[in-house]
């Protein structure tokens, strides 16, 4: 199976021009409804709550330490509390 080479000026991902942007339409307008629905899938409802929301007062330095670790700091705090439980 031989393929012909692409022309030298071929670009698989060209930069959009102002004209292309002006003519662009939302995917929901150009795709069949079944396909568009797949693009906006949402997470289903939680079957059983696995955690409880609480209000907890913490020292500022403790809170700052966990928050400084970035996204997921609440999960890391939960794990630290789990390991420290008596």
C-alpha atoms as a PDB file:
ATOM      1  CA  UNK A   1       0.000   0.000   0.000  1.00  0.00           C
ATOM      2  CA  UNK A   2       1.713   3.147  -1.162  1.00  0.00           C
ATOM      3  CA  UNK A   3       0.680   6.613  -0.137  1.00  0.00           C
ATOM      4  CA  UNK A   4       1.345   9.684  -2.164  1.00  0.00           C
ATOM      5  CA  UNK A   5       3.374  12.263  -0.275  1.00  0.00           C
ATOM      6  CA  UNK A   6       1.559  15.323   0.964  1.00  0.00           C
ATOM      7  CA  UNK A   7       2.206  18.617  -0.786  1.00  0.00           C
ATOM      8  CA  UNK A   8       4.975  20.648   0.892  1.00  0.00           C
ATOM      9  CA  UNK A   9       2.567  23.420   1.947  1.00  0.00           C
ATOM     10  CA  UNK A  10       0.100  20.979   3.612  1.00  0.00           C
ATOM     11  CA  UNK A  11      -0.597  21.705   7.283  1.00  0.00           C
ATOM     12  CA  UNK A  12      -2.707  19.284   9.354  1.00  0.00           C
ATOM     13  CA  UNK A  13      -3.419  21.921  11.953  1.00  0.00           C
ATOM     14  CA  UNK A  14      -3.359  25.371  10.372  1.00  0.00           C
ATOM     15  CA  UNK A  15      -3.632  28.489  12.499  1.00  0.00           C
ATOM     16  CA  UNK A  16      -7.146  29.892  12.364  1.00  0.00           C
ATOM     17  CA  UNK A  17      -7.688  33.122  10.472  1.00  0.00           C
ATOM     18  CA  UNK A  18     -10.152  35.817  11.537  1.00  0.00           C
ATOM     19  CA  UNK A  19     -12.448  34.656   8.722  1.00  0.00           C
ATOM     20  CA  UNK A  20     -12.395  31.059   9.976  1.00  0.00           C
ATOM     21  CA  UNK A  21     -13.190  32.202  13.518  1.00  0.00           C
ATOM     22  CA  UNK A  22     -16.082  34.369  12.281  1.00  0.00           C
ATOM     23  CA  UNK A  23     -17.579  31.410  10.383  1.00  0.00           C
ATOM     24  CA  UNK A  24     -17.159  28.916  13.234  1.00  0.00           C
ATOM     25  CA  UNK A  25     -20.324  27.473  14.785  1.00  0.00           C
ATOM     26  CA  UNK A  26     -20.884  25.594  18.041  1.00  0.00           C
ATOM     27  CA  UNK A  27     -20.562  21.815  17.875  1.00  0.00           C
ATOM     28  CA  UNK A  28     -24.194  21.468  18.964  1.00  0.00           C
ATOM     29  CA  UNK A  29     -25.246  23.168  15.700  1.00  0.00           C
ATOM     30  CA  UNK A  30     -23.192  21.056  13.318  1.00  0.00           C
ATOM     31  CA  UNK A  31     -23.087  17.607  14.921  1.00  0.00           C
ATOM     32  CA  UNK A  32     -25.955  15.112  15.082  1.00  0.00           C
ATOM     33  CA  UNK A  33     -27.756  15.323  18.446  1.00  0.00           C
ATOM     34  CA  UNK A  34     -26.486  11.874  19.495  1.00  0.00           C
ATOM     35  CA  UNK A  35     -22.868  12.928  18.990  1.00  0.00           C
ATOM     36  CA  UNK A  36     -23.338  16.367  20.577  1.00  0.00           C
ATOM     37  CA  UNK A  37     -24.884  14.676  23.641  1.00  0.00           C
ATOM     38  CA  UNK A  38     -21.727  12.608  24.105  1.00  0.00           C
ATOM     39  CA  UNK A  39     -19.651  15.788  24.331  1.00  0.00           C
ATOM     40  CA  UNK A  40     -21.642  17.183  27.274  1.00  0.00           C
ATOM     41  CA  UNK A  41     -21.948  14.085  29.420  1.00  0.00           C
ATOM     42  CA  UNK A  42     -22.190  14.888  33.076  1.00  0.00           C
ATOM     43  CA  UNK A  43     -21.286  12.858  36.090  1.00  0.00           C
ATOM     44  CA  UNK A  44     -24.293  10.977  37.414  1.00  0.00           C
ATOM     45  CA  UNK A  45     -25.704  11.467  40.876  1.00  0.00           C
ATOM     46  CA  UNK A  46     -23.753  10.026  43.754  1.00  0.00           C
ATOM     47  CA  UNK A  47     -25.353   6.722  44.748  1.00  0.00           C
ATOM     48  CA  UNK A  48     -24.353   6.884  48.406  1.00  0.00           C
ATOM     49  CA  UNK A  49     -22.573   9.775  50.114  1.00  0.00           C
ATOM     50  CA  UNK A  50     -19.095   8.677  51.084  1.00  0.00           C
ATOM     51  CA  UNK A  51     -18.144  11.805  53.019  1.00  0.00           C
ATOM     52  CA  UNK A  52     -19.839  14.304  55.320  1.00  0.00           C
ATOM     53  CA  UNK A  53     -19.573  18.079  55.147  1.00  0.00           C
ATOM     54  CA  UNK A  54     -18.430  19.613  58.440  1.00  0.00           C
ATOM     55  CA  UNK A  55     -17.265  22.948  59.784  1.00  0.00           C
ATOM     56  CA  UNK A  56     -13.841  22.718  61.384  1.00  0.00           C
ATOM     57  CA  UNK A  57     -11.740  25.447  62.994  1.00  0.00           C
ATOM     58  CA  UNK A  58      -8.022  25.102  62.267  1.00  0.00           C
ATOM     59  CA  UNK A  59      -4.973  27.158  63.129  1.00  0.00           C
ATOM     60  CA  UNK A  60      -3.981  29.388  60.196  1.00  0.00           C
ATOM     61  CA  UNK A  61      -0.524  27.824  59.882  1.00  0.00           C
ATOM     62  CA  UNK A  62      -2.003  24.310  59.628  1.00  0.00           C
ATOM     63  CA  UNK A  63      -4.477  25.402  56.970  1.00  0.00           C
ATOM     64  CA  UNK A  64      -1.795  27.318  55.038  1.00  0.00           C
ATOM     65  CA  UNK A  65       0.493  24.284  55.091  1.00  0.00           C
ATOM     66  CA  UNK A  66      -2.134  22.027  53.481  1.00  0.00           C
ATOM     67  CA  UNK A  67      -3.366  24.657  51.015  1.00  0.00           C
ATOM     68  CA  UNK A  68       0.199  25.333  49.872  1.00  0.00           C
ATOM     69  CA  UNK A  69       0.405  21.748  48.582  1.00  0.00           C
ATOM     70  CA  UNK A  70      -1.975  22.677  45.753  1.00  0.00           C
ATOM     71  CA  UNK A  71      -5.116  21.048  44.355  1.00  0.00           C
ATOM     72  CA  UNK A  72      -6.268  18.058  46.357  1.00  0.00           C
ATOM     73  CA  UNK A  73      -5.200  19.530  49.679  1.00  0.00           C
ATOM     74  CA  UNK A  74      -8.509  18.541  51.301  1.00  0.00           C
ATOM     75  CA  UNK A  75      -7.924  14.895  50.360  1.00  0.00           C
ATOM     76  CA  UNK A  76      -4.398  15.059  51.770  1.00  0.00           C
ATOM     77  CA  UNK A  77      -5.728  16.597  54.988  1.00  0.00           C
ATOM     78  CA  UNK A  78      -8.346  13.845  55.179  1.00  0.00           C
ATOM     79  CA  UNK A  79      -5.611  11.214  54.808  1.00  0.00           C
ATOM     80  CA  UNK A  80      -3.461  12.873  57.507  1.00  0.00           C
ATOM     81  CA  UNK A  81      -6.444  12.914  59.876  1.00  0.00           C
ATOM     82  CA  UNK A  82      -7.200   9.290  59.027  1.00  0.00           C
ATOM     83  CA  UNK A  83      -3.633   8.265  59.896  1.00  0.00           C
ATOM     84  CA  UNK A  84      -3.727  10.264  63.153  1.00  0.00           C
ATOM     85  CA  UNK A  85      -7.033   8.869  64.420  1.00  0.00           C
ATOM     86  CA  UNK A  86      -6.894   7.228  67.806  1.00  0.00           C
END
